[in-house]
Amino acid sequence: MSKQLNINKMNQEVIEARKPQYWWMPLLFGAAFILIGFWILRSPEESFEKITKFIGIIILISGAIQLFFTIKNRRGTPGWGFQLAGDLFDLAVGTALVVNPSLLLKLITLFVGVWLIINSISIFMKAAEARKDEKRFWTWEFALAVFLMLLAVAFLWHPMLLGISIAVWTGLAFIILGIFRIVLTLRLRKLRIQE
């Protein structure tokens, strides 16, 4: 009988330990993510610059802290010069993003624009080959290549188009993540009530 009581007591302790104590925390984060998502969607152009500045500040702080530790521990760190160069590079990138957030947008736009042009040329070539082989789908490939080329030109001509689309997708991602967190909260709460 005493052995049975101990087993029941141990089972109860295990059940209590498995109950999530802070089941409501994901709800708070979910609500915050949804609010941030709607804030980003409200003005994507302004949001992209603020997000870029925030990333710049994080890189700047990280670089400064790393620089401090690199200099402080230089005697015991072999090849500390490379680490010092990396830390100074972080400081430069962070400063550039804070001072000129459109720099990141211009670089991203340049890379995406060139990438789209290269891919559209490749698709043009495949469409020409498919036309030569008298395949039906060549017109779809040709249309896709034209669309990608126009998109690349639009991005390179007006970089903020890419920044706005990045901000819109970021806003939607925050909203979806917030919804996930709220659903997770409801599941954790249900689990807590059931046990």
Protein backbone atom coordinates (compact mmCIF):
# COMPACT_ATOMS: atom_id res chain seq x y z
CA MET A 1 0.00 0.00 0.00
CA SER A 2 2.79 2.40 0.91
CA LYS A 3 4.60 1.51 -2.29
CA GLN A 4 1.44 2.30 -4.30
CA LEU A 5 1.12 5.71 -2.58
CA ASN A 6 4.73 6.55 -3.45
CA ILE A 7 4.16 5.60 -7.10
CA ASN A 8 1.00 7.71 -7.27
CA LYS A 9 2.82 10.63 -5.63
CA MET A 10 5.71 10.31 -8.12
CA ASN A 11 3.25 10.17 -11.04
CA GLN A 12 1.54 13.32 -9.78
CA GLU A 13 4.91 15.09 -9.48
CA VAL A 14 5.80 14.11 -13.07
CA ILE A 15 2.44 15.42 -14.32
CA GLU A 16 2.90 18.70 -12.43
CA ALA A 17 6.44 19.07 -13.79
CA ARG A 18 5.19 18.58 -17.38
CA LYS A 19 2.57 21.32 -17.11
CA PRO A 20 3.82 24.42 -18.86
CA GLN A 21 4.21 27.14 -16.25
CA TYR A 22 4.51 30.12 -18.55
CA TRP A 23 2.01 29.03 -21.18
CA TRP A 24 0.93 32.65 -21.73
CA MET A 25 4.37 33.92 -22.84
CA PRO A 26 3.93 32.92 -26.52
CA LEU A 27 0.64 34.85 -26.48
CA LEU A 28 2.47 38.06 -25.59
CA PHE A 29 5.12 37.46 -28.25
CA GLY A 30 2.42 36.53 -30.77
CA ALA A 31 0.53 39.75 -30.15
CA ALA A 32 3.77 41.75 -30.37
CA PHE A 33 4.74 40.07 -33.65
CA ILE A 34 1.32 40.77 -35.14
CA LEU A 35 1.50 44.42 -34.11
CA ILE A 36 5.02 44.73 -35.56
CA GLY A 37 3.82 43.06 -38.78
CA PHE A 38 0.96 45.52 -39.19
CA TRP A 39 3.29 48.43 -38.35
CA ILE A 40 5.66 47.30 -41.12
CA LEU A 41 2.78 46.89 -43.59
CA ARG A 42 1.42 50.33 -42.71
CA SER A 43 4.39 52.08 -44.34
CA PRO A 44 6.78 49.57 -45.93
CA GLU A 45 9.16 52.17 -47.37
CA GLU A 46 9.75 53.80 -43.99
CA SER A 47 9.82 50.39 -42.28
CA PHE A 48 12.59 49.08 -44.54
CA GLU A 49 14.84 51.97 -43.56
CA LYS A 50 14.07 51.51 -39.85
CA ILE A 51 14.69 47.75 -40.08
CA THR A 52 18.00 48.46 -41.84
CA LYS A 53 19.01 50.98 -39.15
CA PHE A 54 18.08 48.46 -36.44
CA ILE A 55 20.22 45.79 -38.12
CA GLY A 56 23.02 48.36 -38.41
CA ILE A 57 22.78 49.18 -34.70
CA ILE A 58 22.94 45.48 -33.80
CA ILE A 59 26.01 44.97 -36.03
CA LEU A 60 27.60 48.13 -34.61
CA ILE A 61 27.08 47.04 -30.99
CA SER A 62 28.25 43.51 -31.76
CA GLY A 63 31.36 44.84 -33.49
CA ALA A 64 32.14 47.21 -30.62
CA ILE A 65 31.81 44.46 -28.01
CA GLN A 66 33.88 42.04 -30.09
CA LEU A 67 36.50 44.76 -30.64
CA PHE A 68 36.71 45.34 -26.89
CA PHE A 69 37.23 41.61 -26.21
CA THR A 70 39.69 41.25 -29.08
CA ILE A 71 41.88 44.08 -27.80
CA LYS A 72 41.56 42.92 -24.19
CA ASN A 73 42.54 39.32 -25.04
CA ARG A 74 45.06 40.05 -27.83
CA ARG A 75 48.03 38.57 -25.95
CA GLY A 76 46.47 35.14 -25.56
CA THR A 77 44.81 34.96 -28.98
CA PRO A 78 46.91 33.69 -31.88
CA GLY A 79 46.13 35.50 -35.13
CA TRP A 80 44.21 38.22 -33.31
CA GLY A 81 44.87 40.59 -36.20
CA PHE A 82 42.30 38.78 -38.36
CA GLN A 83 39.76 39.02 -35.57
CA LEU A 84 40.59 42.72 -35.17
CA ALA A 85 40.05 43.26 -38.91
CA GLY A 86 36.71 41.45 -38.73
CA ASP A 87 35.62 43.56 -35.77
CA LEU A 88 36.60 46.78 -37.55
CA PHE A 89 34.69 45.59 -40.63
CA ASP A 90 31.61 45.01 -38.43
CA LEU A 91 31.95 48.55 -37.08
CA ALA A 92 32.24 49.95 -40.61
CA VAL A 93 29.22 48.00 -41.90
CA GLY A 94 27.13 48.89 -38.84
CA THR A 95 28.03 52.56 -39.14
CA ALA A 96 27.26 52.59 -42.87
CA LEU A 97 23.84 51.00 -42.31
CA VAL A 98 22.95 53.43 -39.52
CA VAL A 99 24.17 56.52 -41.38
CA ASN A 100 22.94 55.47 -44.83
CA PRO A 101 20.27 52.72 -44.64
CA SER A 102 19.60 52.99 -48.37
CA LEU A 103 23.10 51.58 -48.98
CA LEU A 104 21.89 48.08 -48.10
CA LEU A 105 18.92 48.50 -50.41
CA LYS A 106 21.19 49.61 -53.26
CA LEU A 107 23.51 46.63 -52.77
CA ILE A 108 20.67 44.13 -52.53
CA THR A 109 18.99 45.69 -55.56
CA LEU A 110 22.20 45.52 -57.57
CA PHE A 111 22.74 41.84 -56.76
CA VAL A 112 19.09 40.89 -57.35
CA GLY A 113 18.91 42.94 -60.55
CA VAL A 114 22.05 41.38 -62.04
CA TRP A 115 20.91 37.91 -60.94
CA LEU A 116 17.51 38.41 -62.61
CA ILE A 117 19.14 39.65 -65.83
CA ILE A 118 21.47 36.63 -65.98
CA ASN A 119 18.58 34.24 -65.37
CA SER A 120 16.32 35.94 -67.90
CA ILE A 121 19.04 35.67 -70.56
CA SER A 122 19.38 31.99 -69.72
CA ILE A 123 15.62 31.51 -70.07
CA PHE A 124 15.65 33.44 -73.38
CA MET A 125 18.26 31.00 -74.67
CA LYS A 126 16.23 27.97 -73.53
CA ALA A 127 13.10 29.42 -75.13
CA ALA A 128 14.95 29.92 -78.43
CA GLU A 129 16.21 26.35 -78.26
CA ALA A 130 12.70 25.06 -77.49
CA ARG A 131 11.29 27.07 -80.41
CA LYS A 132 13.93 25.63 -82.71
CA ASP A 133 12.93 22.13 -81.54
CA GLU A 134 9.28 23.09 -82.20
CA LYS A 135 8.15 22.56 -78.61
CA ARG A 136 4.90 24.24 -77.57
CA PHE A 137 5.99 25.69 -74.24
CA TRP A 138 8.62 28.02 -75.69
CA THR A 139 6.18 30.97 -75.56
CA TRP A 140 5.76 30.53 -71.80
CA GLU A 141 9.52 30.50 -71.31
CA PHE A 142 9.86 33.55 -73.52
CA ALA A 143 7.13 35.40 -71.57
CA LEU A 144 8.81 34.46 -68.26
CA ALA A 145 12.16 35.75 -69.53
CA VAL A 146 10.57 39.04 -70.62
CA PHE A 147 8.85 39.39 -67.22
CA LEU A 148 12.11 38.73 -65.33
CA MET A 149 14.00 41.20 -67.53
CA LEU A 150 11.36 43.90 -66.91
CA LEU A 151 11.44 43.16 -63.19
CA ALA A 152 15.24 43.47 -63.15
CA VAL A 153 15.09 46.78 -65.01
CA ALA A 154 12.40 48.06 -62.63
CA PHE A 155 14.46 47.10 -59.58
CA LEU A 156 17.63 48.67 -60.97
CA TRP A 157 15.76 51.78 -62.11
CA HIS A 158 13.86 52.26 -58.84
CA PRO A 159 15.53 50.32 -55.96
CA MET A 160 12.80 51.21 -53.44
CA LEU A 161 10.46 48.78 -55.23
CA LEU A 162 12.59 45.94 -53.90
CA GLY A 163 12.77 47.56 -50.46
CA ILE A 164 9.00 47.87 -50.31
CA SER A 165 8.50 44.25 -51.36
CA ILE A 166 11.05 43.10 -48.77
CA ALA A 167 9.24 45.12 -46.11
CA VAL A 168 5.85 43.73 -47.16
CA TRP A 169 7.10 40.13 -46.97
CA THR A 170 8.76 40.88 -43.63
CA GLY A 171 5.50 42.32 -42.29
CA LEU A 172 3.54 39.28 -43.47
CA ALA A 173 6.15 36.97 -41.92
CA PHE A 174 5.79 38.74 -38.55
CA ILE A 175 1.98 38.42 -38.72
CA ILE A 176 2.19 34.71 -39.58
CA LEU A 177 4.72 34.13 -36.81
CA GLY A 178 2.43 35.98 -34.38
CA ILE A 179 -0.54 33.82 -35.36
CA PHE A 180 1.60 30.71 -34.86
CA ARG A 181 2.59 31.90 -31.38
CA ILE A 182 -1.03 32.53 -30.41
CA VAL A 183 -2.08 29.08 -31.67
CA LEU A 184 0.81 27.58 -29.70
CA THR A 185 -0.40 29.42 -26.59
CA LEU A 186 -3.89 28.02 -26.99
CA ARG A 187 -2.48 24.50 -27.35
CA LEU A 188 -0.29 24.91 -24.27
CA ARG A 189 -3.23 26.26 -22.29
CA LYS A 190 -5.39 23.33 -23.40
CA LEU A 191 -2.62 20.92 -22.36
CA ARG A 192 -2.41 22.61 -18.97
CA ILE A 193 -6.17 22.36 -18.43
CA GLN A 194 -6.32 18.71 -19.49
CA GLU A 195 -3.64 17.56 -17.06
